[in-house]
Amino acid sequence: MKYQSLSYRLSYLCLIIPVIFFFGNHQKSGIYKGTTMESHLNTITATTFVHPGVINTKASLNLIASEANKGDTSRLASYQKVLDFIKDRTYPVSFPVTVVVGSNGATTPSKNQIRADAELVYAIALCWARTGDITYAKQAIGILNGWAYHFKNYDLMDSKQNAHQPGLEASWTTPSFVAAAEIIRYYKVKGVSAGWADADINQFKSYLNNVNDNYISYVQGLGYNNNWNVSAGYAKMAIGVFLDDAGIYKSGVDIINDVFPKVILADGTMYELCKRHDCVHYQYSLTGLTYAAEIAHIQGDNSLYSALSNRISAGYDFMRSAYDQGTGCNYCSTTSPVFPGVEVAYKYYKTTNMKSLRELAAPIGVPNDRTFLGFTTYTHYKVK
């Protein structure tokens, strides 16, 4: 990482960011009252990064591969979710130059493909890490290169769509591509690398800079204060790790710190449940916050997990209440999909409510809408 001056380097290395949030007696939605926000600190000191460092580590990949290869029944059952996903997908043979998107569930073939490919390449990368089969490595590289060399831009289906939807779509898919890329670039199986060429890695970096600079960066200024901001912050943290760019990484953490107490209130309430009238959107926020906290944890910083008196944990307590229809907004039930972030959160917090939630869906695969990377029962259950 290069900086223009010594003073910039010193000020950055010593930076302590007090972020103080004051929350009045009401949300804009007018649903919840009597809640307050707390202040919290987060210190950003990293100028170098651990690799692989997005969701998985060398140690965690070693552990789950070893257990699966030794026939551990629990690990193999969750690994089967990875294999099933690959089996049910068609390996891509072409890649759109333009990804056309729509808002509020509106879809297109290119939108479907980039979401599915982001999950697929991650699943294939996990297979490479377990088996060392070079075929998996080549398949993963093929998808990463396919998008890196072909993608140019996002566009909207028509003028009726939310003009900012491309930024949200990029925030969802990019971290999954990066999680796969971290494995393919840095993880070795018995000392053997996947063989991703430097020129291809540089092209993938250009792809990341494109989606970050032209799409994801515009989300943070919208003032939505919901899963949009969370997804953008998480995406920037992932991008920063791969690019070894502390500035991009820090910008992601800043977004997370800003929106954190606005999406999960001090008592754990998540207003997105009532505002959106579904059991999905508030889980986007929970999952994005959890994955951001896990990336920071891998990089040696537990402050997002512990921030605001373990506020992420309080959010999962609210989710448990939602599944019991105990929040006053009855859009969840015990048959509702459980997003894969809960498995990662349970690894860290190990609360009774998280245990109960993960057991509703384990072994966990991927979200139906392909918005966040999955297979977390395989990658995170009983992993320290």
Protein backbone atom coordinates (compact mmCIF):
# COMPACT_ATOMS: atom_id res chain seq x y z
CA MET A 1 0.00 0.00 0.00
CA LYS A 2 1.46 3.33 -1.00
CA TYR A 3 0.70 6.71 0.47
CA GLN A 4 1.56 10.13 -0.81
CA SER A 5 3.21 11.42 2.35
CA LEU A 6 4.67 10.34 5.65
CA SER A 7 2.19 12.49 7.54
CA TYR A 8 -0.69 10.69 5.86
CA ARG A 9 0.81 7.34 6.81
CA LEU A 10 1.27 8.35 10.45
CA SER A 11 -2.16 9.89 10.78
CA TYR A 12 -3.72 6.80 9.23
CA LEU A 13 -1.84 4.32 11.39
CA CYS A 14 -2.76 6.19 14.56
CA LEU A 15 -6.34 6.83 13.59
CA ILE A 16 -9.02 6.22 16.19
CA ILE A 17 -12.48 6.96 15.00
CA PRO A 18 -15.04 7.80 17.64
CA VAL A 19 -18.40 7.43 16.01
CA ILE A 20 -21.16 8.71 18.22
CA PHE A 21 -24.72 8.10 17.23
CA PHE A 22 -27.70 9.79 18.78
CA PHE A 23 -31.08 8.31 18.12
CA GLY A 24 -34.20 10.28 19.06
CA ASN A 25 -37.45 8.91 20.26
CA HIS A 26 -38.63 7.63 16.91
CA GLN A 27 -37.63 6.05 13.64
CA LYS A 28 -38.68 7.66 10.37
CA SER A 29 -41.15 4.83 9.97
CA GLY A 30 -42.82 5.84 13.23
CA ILE A 31 -43.08 2.22 14.36
CA TYR A 32 -40.76 2.06 17.36
CA LYS A 33 -40.30 4.57 20.15
CA GLY A 34 -38.34 4.92 23.35
CA THR A 35 -35.06 3.53 22.00
CA THR A 36 -31.64 5.13 22.24
CA MET A 37 -28.39 4.68 20.39
CA GLU A 38 -25.07 4.20 22.13
CA SER A 39 -21.66 5.50 21.16
CA HIS A 40 -18.89 3.15 20.16
CA LEU A 41 -15.30 3.23 18.98
CA ASN A 42 -13.60 1.37 16.23
CA THR A 43 -9.87 1.55 15.62
CA ILE A 44 -8.49 0.98 12.14
CA THR A 45 -4.79 0.20 12.17
CA ALA A 46 -4.35 -2.48 9.51
CA THR A 47 -2.24 -1.62 6.50
CA THR A 48 -1.54 -5.24 5.59
CA PHE A 49 -4.05 -8.03 5.33
CA VAL A 50 -4.40 -11.72 6.17
CA HIS A 51 -5.03 -13.93 3.12
CA PRO A 52 -7.25 -15.76 2.52
CA GLY A 53 -9.14 -13.17 4.53
CA VAL A 54 -12.74 -12.94 3.32
CA ILE A 55 -15.00 -15.18 5.42
CA ASN A 56 -12.51 -18.09 5.32
CA THR A 57 -8.92 -18.47 6.51
CA LYS A 58 -6.14 -20.89 5.71
CA ALA A 59 -6.68 -22.55 9.10
CA SER A 60 -10.45 -22.89 8.69
CA LEU A 61 -10.12 -24.28 5.16
CA ASN A 62 -7.51 -26.76 6.39
CA LEU A 63 -9.80 -27.90 9.20
CA ILE A 64 -12.97 -28.43 7.20
CA ALA A 65 -11.08 -30.16 4.37
CA SER A 66 -9.35 -32.46 6.83
CA GLU A 67 -12.60 -33.37 8.58
CA ALA A 68 -14.43 -33.99 5.31
CA ASN A 69 -11.57 -36.07 3.92
CA LYS A 70 -11.49 -38.16 7.09
CA GLY A 71 -15.19 -38.95 6.71
CA ASP A 72 -16.67 -36.71 9.41
CA THR A 73 -20.40 -37.28 8.83
CA SER A 74 -21.51 -33.80 9.90
CA ARG A 75 -18.93 -32.05 7.74
CA LEU A 76 -19.71 -34.29 4.76
CA ALA A 77 -23.45 -33.64 5.09
CA SER A 78 -22.87 -29.89 4.90
CA TYR A 79 -20.32 -30.31 2.08
CA GLN A 80 -23.02 -32.11 0.12
CA LYS A 81 -24.86 -28.77 -0.08
CA VAL A 82 -21.86 -27.43 -1.99
CA LEU A 83 -21.86 -30.37 -4.38
CA ASP A 84 -25.62 -30.22 -4.90
CA PHE A 85 -25.45 -26.55 -5.81
CA ILE A 86 -22.74 -27.20 -8.40
CA LYS A 87 -24.67 -30.15 -9.82
CA ASP A 88 -27.84 -28.07 -10.19
CA ARG A 89 -26.10 -25.20 -12.00
CA THR A 90 -25.01 -24.95 -15.62
CA TYR A 91 -21.38 -23.93 -15.94
CA PRO A 92 -21.31 -20.58 -17.80
CA VAL A 93 -19.91 -20.48 -21.31
CA SER A 94 -20.48 -16.76 -21.93
CA PHE A 95 -20.54 -13.63 -19.80
CA PRO A 96 -22.58 -10.46 -20.34
CA VAL A 97 -20.85 -7.19 -21.05
CA THR A 98 -23.80 -5.38 -19.48
CA VAL A 99 -25.79 -6.69 -16.53
CA VAL A 100 -29.36 -5.44 -16.75
CA VAL A 101 -31.14 -5.19 -13.41
CA GLY A 102 -34.51 -4.27 -11.99
CA SER A 103 -35.68 -3.36 -8.51
CA ASN A 104 -38.25 -4.92 -6.17
CA GLY A 105 -37.66 -8.42 -7.46
CA ALA A 106 -37.69 -7.60 -11.17
CA THR A 107 -35.21 -9.85 -12.90
CA THR A 108 -33.37 -10.47 -16.16
CA PRO A 109 -31.17 -13.30 -17.50
CA SER A 110 -27.97 -11.33 -16.87
CA LYS A 111 -29.00 -10.45 -13.31
CA ASN A 112 -29.82 -14.08 -12.62
CA GLN A 113 -26.50 -15.19 -14.08
CA ILE A 114 -24.22 -12.90 -12.12
CA ARG A 115 -25.93 -13.84 -8.85
CA ALA A 116 -25.77 -17.55 -9.63
CA ASP A 117 -22.18 -17.37 -10.89
CA ALA A 118 -21.03 -15.58 -7.74
CA GLU A 119 -22.34 -18.47 -5.63
CA LEU A 120 -21.13 -21.09 -8.11
CA VAL A 121 -17.52 -19.92 -8.26
CA TYR A 122 -17.41 -19.82 -4.46
CA ALA A 123 -18.78 -23.37 -4.26
CA ILE A 124 -16.19 -24.55 -6.80
CA ALA A 125 -13.41 -22.79 -4.89
CA LEU A 126 -14.47 -24.66 -1.74
CA CYS A 127 -14.25 -27.92 -3.68
CA TRP A 128 -10.74 -27.02 -4.84
CA ALA A 129 -9.74 -26.30 -1.25
CA ARG A 130 -11.06 -29.65 -0.09
CA THR A 131 -9.83 -31.92 -2.89
CA GLY A 132 -6.92 -30.20 -4.60
CA ASP A 133 -8.47 -31.33 -7.90
CA ILE A 134 -7.02 -28.97 -10.49
CA THR A 135 -10.22 -29.26 -12.54
CA TYR A 136 -12.04 -27.32 -9.84
CA ALA A 137 -9.29 -24.70 -9.81
CA LYS A 138 -9.54 -24.23 -13.57
CA GLN A 139 -13.33 -23.98 -13.43
CA ALA A 140 -13.18 -21.33 -10.72
CA ILE A 141 -10.56 -19.36 -12.63
CA GLY A 142 -12.71 -19.61 -15.75
CA ILE A 143 -15.65 -17.92 -14.02
CA LEU A 144 -13.53 -15.26 -12.32
CA ASN A 145 -11.79 -14.46 -15.61
CA GLY A 146 -15.04 -14.58 -17.54
CA TRP A 147 -16.56 -11.78 -15.52
CA ALA A 148 -13.32 -9.84 -15.13
CA TYR A 149 -12.61 -9.70 -18.87
CA HIS A 150 -16.16 -9.27 -20.16
CA PHE A 151 -18.14 -7.16 -17.69
CA LYS A 152 -18.26 -3.44 -18.45
CA ASN A 153 -21.29 -1.97 -16.78
CA TYR A 154 -24.76 -2.26 -15.23
CA ASP A 155 -27.95 -0.92 -16.78
CA LEU A 156 -31.63 -0.72 -15.84
CA MET A 157 -34.50 -2.66 -17.37
CA ASP A 158 -36.44 0.56 -17.87
CA SER A 159 -36.98 3.99 -16.37
CA LYS A 160 -39.44 2.64 -13.79
CA GLN A 161 -36.66 0.92 -11.83
CA ASN A 162 -34.74 2.38 -8.89
CA ALA A 163 -31.82 4.18 -10.53
CA HIS A 164 -29.50 3.04 -7.74
CA GLN A 165 -30.27 -0.68 -8.01
CA PRO A 166 -26.98 -1.45 -9.82
CA GLY A 167 -25.05 -0.36 -6.74
CA LEU A 168 -27.01 -2.74 -4.55
CA GLU A 169 -26.60 -5.62 -6.99
CA ALA A 170 -22.84 -5.03 -7.11
CA SER A 171 -22.75 -4.91 -3.31
CA TRP A 172 -24.40 -8.31 -3.14
CA THR A 173 -22.45 -10.26 -5.74
CA THR A 174 -18.97 -8.78 -5.43
CA PRO A 175 -18.08 -10.18 -1.96
CA SER A 176 -18.95 -13.70 -3.09
CA PHE A 177 -16.68 -13.36 -6.10
CA VAL A 178 -13.97 -12.00 -3.79
CA ALA A 179 -14.35 -14.83 -1.26
CA ALA A 180 -13.75 -17.30 -4.10
CA ALA A 181 -10.89 -15.24 -5.50
CA GLU A 182 -9.14 -15.13 -2.13
CA ILE A 183 -9.17 -18.94 -2.01
CA ILE A 184 -8.03 -19.37 -5.60
CA ARG A 185 -5.27 -16.77 -5.29
CA TYR A 186 -3.86 -17.65 -1.88
CA TYR A 187 -4.87 -21.13 -0.72
CA LYS A 188 -2.58 -24.04 -1.50
CA VAL A 189 -3.50 -27.71 -1.28
CA LYS A 190 -0.47 -29.68 -0.12
CA GLY A 191 1.73 -26.85 -1.31
CA VAL A 192 0.13 -26.63 -4.75
CA SER A 193 -1.56 -23.39 -5.84
CA ALA A 194 -4.55 -23.07 -8.14
CA GLY A 195 -2.38 -21.46 -10.81
CA TRP A 196 -4.25 -18.19 -11.36
CA ALA A 197 -2.03 -16.09 -13.64
CA ASP A 198 -0.86 -12.65 -12.51
CA ALA A 199 -2.32 -11.00 -15.61
CA ASP A 200 -5.71 -12.50 -14.83
CA ILE A 201 -5.49 -11.42 -11.20
CA ASN A 202 -4.76 -7.88 -12.35
CA GLN A 203 -7.79 -7.97 -14.64
CA PHE A 204 -9.94 -9.12 -11.73
CA LYS A 205 -8.58 -6.18 -9.73
CA SER A 206 -9.74 -3.89 -12.52
CA TYR A 207 -13.19 -5.46 -12.33
CA LEU A 208 -13.29 -4.79 -8.58
CA ASN A 209 -12.23 -1.19 -9.03
CA ASN A 210 -14.91 -0.73 -11.68
CA VAL A 211 -17.79 -1.98 -9.53
CA ASN A 212 -16.47 -0.25 -6.43
CA ASP A 213 -15.85 3.16 -7.99
CA ASN A 214 -18.83 3.30 -10.32
CA TYR A 215 -21.55 1.47 -8.39
CA ILE A 216 -20.94 0.45 -4.77
CA SER A 217 -19.49 3.82 -3.73
CA TYR A 218 -22.72 5.57 -4.70
CA VAL A 219 -24.84 3.53 -2.29
CA GLN A 220 -23.39 5.06 0.87
CA GLY A 221 -24.60 8.55 0.02
CA LEU A 222 -28.24 7.61 -0.48
CA GLY A 223 -29.21 7.89 3.18
CA TYR A 224 -31.32 4.73 3.13
CA ASN A 225 -29.95 3.55 6.49
CA ASN A 226 -30.86 -0.07 5.90
CA ASN A 227 -29.52 -3.20 4.23
CA TRP A 228 -28.30 -1.13 1.25
CA ASN A 229 -25.66 0.63 3.34
CA VAL A 230 -24.76 -2.57 5.17
CA SER A 231 -24.26 -4.46 1.91
CA ALA A 232 -22.09 -1.68 0.49
CA GLY A 233 -19.91 -1.53 3.60
CA TYR A 234 -19.43 -5.30 3.63
CA ALA A 235 -18.58 -5.28 -0.09
CA LYS A 236 -15.98 -2.54 0.33
CA MET A 237 -14.32 -4.40 3.17
CA ALA A 238 -14.05 -7.52 1.02
CA ILE A 239 -12.69 -5.54 -1.94
CA GLY A 240 -10.18 -3.77 0.29
CA VAL A 241 -8.80 -7.09 1.51
CA PHE A 242 -8.28 -8.48 -1.99
CA LEU A 243 -6.75 -5.27 -3.31
CA ASP A 244 -4.62 -4.84 -0.16
CA ASP A 245 -6.13 -1.37 -0.07
CA ALA A 246 -6.52 -0.08 3.48
CA GLY A 247 -8.36 3.01 2.25
CA ILE A 248 -11.17 1.04 0.58
CA TYR A 249 -11.31 -1.33 3.55
CA LYS A 250 -11.59 1.59 5.99
CA SER A 251 -14.33 3.21 3.92
CA GLY A 252 -16.30 -0.02 4.25
CA VAL A 253 -15.84 -0.09 8.01
CA ASP A 254 -16.90 3.55 8.20
CA ILE A 255 -20.14 2.75 6.36
CA ILE A 256 -20.81 -0.17 8.69
CA ASN A 257 -20.15 1.91 11.80
CA ASP A 258 -22.44 4.65 10.57
CA VAL A 259 -25.41 2.45 9.71
CA PHE A 260 -24.95 -0.19 12.43
CA PRO A 261 -27.02 1.42 15.25
CA LYS A 262 -29.65 2.55 12.76
CA VAL A 263 -30.55 -0.94 11.57
CA ILE A 264 -30.31 -2.67 14.97
CA LEU A 265 -31.60 -0.53 17.83
CA ALA A 266 -30.35 -0.76 21.40
CA ASP A 267 -33.04 -3.28 22.35
CA GLY A 268 -32.33 -5.39 19.26
CA THR A 269 -35.31 -4.12 17.28
CA MET A 270 -34.85 -4.16 13.51
CA TYR A 271 -37.41 -1.86 11.95
CA GLU A 272 -36.91 -3.38 8.46
CA LEU A 273 -39.08 -6.33 9.49
CA CYS A 274 -42.18 -4.16 9.84
CA LYS A 275 -41.25 -1.60 7.21
CA ARG A 276 -40.64 -4.14 4.46
CA HIS A 277 -43.42 -6.57 5.42
CA ASP A 278 -41.25 -9.64 4.91
CA CYS A 279 -38.84 -11.94 6.73
CA VAL A 280 -35.98 -11.24 4.31
CA HIS A 281 -34.75 -7.66 4.22
CA TYR A 282 -33.82 -7.34 7.87
CA GLN A 283 -31.87 -10.59 7.46
CA TYR A 284 -29.91 -8.88 4.68
CA SER A 285 -28.78 -6.38 7.30
CA LEU A 286 -27.99 -9.07 9.86
CA THR A 287 -26.06 -11.15 7.34
CA GLY A 288 -24.10 -8.23 5.94
CA LEU A 289 -23.16 -7.00 9.41
CA THR A 290 -22.13 -10.51 10.45
CA TYR A 291 -19.97 -11.04 7.37
CA ALA A 292 -18.38 -7.61 7.82
CA ALA A 293 -17.63 -8.46 11.45
CA GLU A 294 -16.15 -11.81 10.41
CA ILE A 295 -13.84 -10.18 7.86
CA ALA A 296 -12.67 -7.73 10.52
CA HIS A 297 -12.23 -10.61 12.98
CA ILE A 298 -10.01 -12.45 10.50
CA GLN A 299 -7.98 -9.26 10.12
CA GLY A 300 -7.44 -9.17 13.89
CA ASP A 301 -10.21 -6.73 14.87
CA ASN A 302 -13.20 -7.93 16.94
CA SER A 303 -14.69 -4.45 17.40
CA LEU A 304 -17.61 -4.99 15.02
CA TYR A 305 -18.63 -8.17 16.81
CA SER A 306 -18.44 -6.47 20.21
CA ALA A 307 -19.67 -3.02 19.15
CA LEU A 308 -22.62 -1.46 20.94
CA SER A 309 -22.73 -4.17 23.62
CA ASN A 310 -22.79 -7.06 21.13
CA ARG A 311 -25.52 -5.42 19.07
CA ILE A 312 -25.32 -8.05 16.32
CA SER A 313 -26.22 -10.68 18.89
CA ALA A 314 -29.20 -8.57 19.98
CA GLY A 315 -30.33 -8.49 16.36
CA TYR A 316 -30.39 -12.28 16.24
CA ASP A 317 -32.39 -12.29 19.47
CA PHE A 318 -34.91 -10.11 17.64
CA MET A 319 -34.86 -12.55 14.72
CA ARG A 320 -35.67 -15.41 17.08
CA SER A 321 -38.62 -13.39 18.39
CA ALA A 322 -39.70 -12.69 14.83
CA TYR A 323 -39.73 -16.40 14.03
CA ASP A 324 -41.89 -16.89 17.13
CA GLN A 325 -44.11 -14.05 15.88
CA GLY A 326 -43.35 -12.12 19.03
CA THR A 327 -42.46 -8.71 17.58
CA GLY A 328 -45.88 -7.41 16.58
CA CYS A 329 -44.92 -7.74 12.89
CA ASN A 330 -45.83 -11.28 11.98
CA TYR A 331 -44.01 -11.81 8.70
CA CYS A 332 -41.84 -14.71 9.88
CA SER A 333 -42.53 -18.24 11.04
CA THR A 334 -40.39 -21.27 11.81
CA THR A 335 -40.74 -22.28 8.15
CA SER A 336 -39.27 -19.00 6.83
CA PRO A 337 -35.85 -19.18 5.13
CA VAL A 338 -32.91 -18.68 7.49
CA PHE A 339 -30.07 -16.69 5.93
CA PRO A 340 -26.57 -18.19 6.21
CA GLY A 341 -25.16 -15.38 8.35
CA VAL A 342 -26.62 -17.00 11.44
CA GLU A 343 -24.09 -19.85 11.23
CA VAL A 344 -21.18 -17.40 11.16
CA ALA A 345 -22.63 -15.41 14.04
CA TYR A 346 -23.18 -18.59 16.06
CA LYS A 347 -19.53 -19.51 15.62
CA TYR A 348 -18.58 -16.32 17.43
CA TYR A 349 -21.36 -15.74 19.97
CA LYS A 350 -22.68 -19.27 20.60
CA THR A 351 -26.01 -18.04 22.01
CA THR A 352 -29.07 -20.20 22.58
CA ASN A 353 -31.17 -18.13 20.18
CA MET A 354 -28.62 -18.50 17.36
CA LYS A 355 -28.38 -22.21 18.02
CA SER A 356 -32.15 -22.47 17.72
CA LEU A 357 -32.22 -20.46 14.49
CA ARG A 358 -29.42 -22.39 12.78
CA GLU A 359 -31.08 -25.69 13.67
CA LEU A 360 -34.18 -24.62 11.73
CA ALA A 361 -32.19 -24.81 8.49
CA ALA A 362 -28.90 -26.70 8.98
CA PRO A 363 -27.06 -27.71 6.96
CA ILE A 364 -27.39 -24.29 5.37
CA GLY A 365 -26.95 -23.84 1.62
CA VAL A 366 -27.43 -20.52 -0.19
CA PRO A 367 -30.22 -17.93 -0.01
CA ASN A 368 -32.94 -18.48 -2.59
CA ASP A 369 -32.22 -15.08 -4.13
CA ARG A 370 -28.43 -15.64 -4.26
CA THR A 371 -27.70 -12.34 -2.51
CA PHE A 372 -25.14 -13.52 0.07
CA LEU A 373 -22.63 -16.35 -0.02
CA GLY A 374 -23.78 -19.55 1.56
CA PHE A 375 -22.59 -23.01 2.63
CA THR A 376 -21.80 -21.62 6.08
CA THR A 377 -22.62 -24.85 7.89
CA TYR A 378 -19.79 -26.44 5.94
CA THR A 379 -17.39 -23.54 6.37
CA HIS A 380 -18.17 -22.30 9.90
CA TYR A 381 -20.03 -24.79 12.10
CA LYS A 382 -17.74 -25.96 14.92
CA VAL A 383 -14.86 -23.99 13.46
CA LYS A 384 -12.95 -21.81 15.92
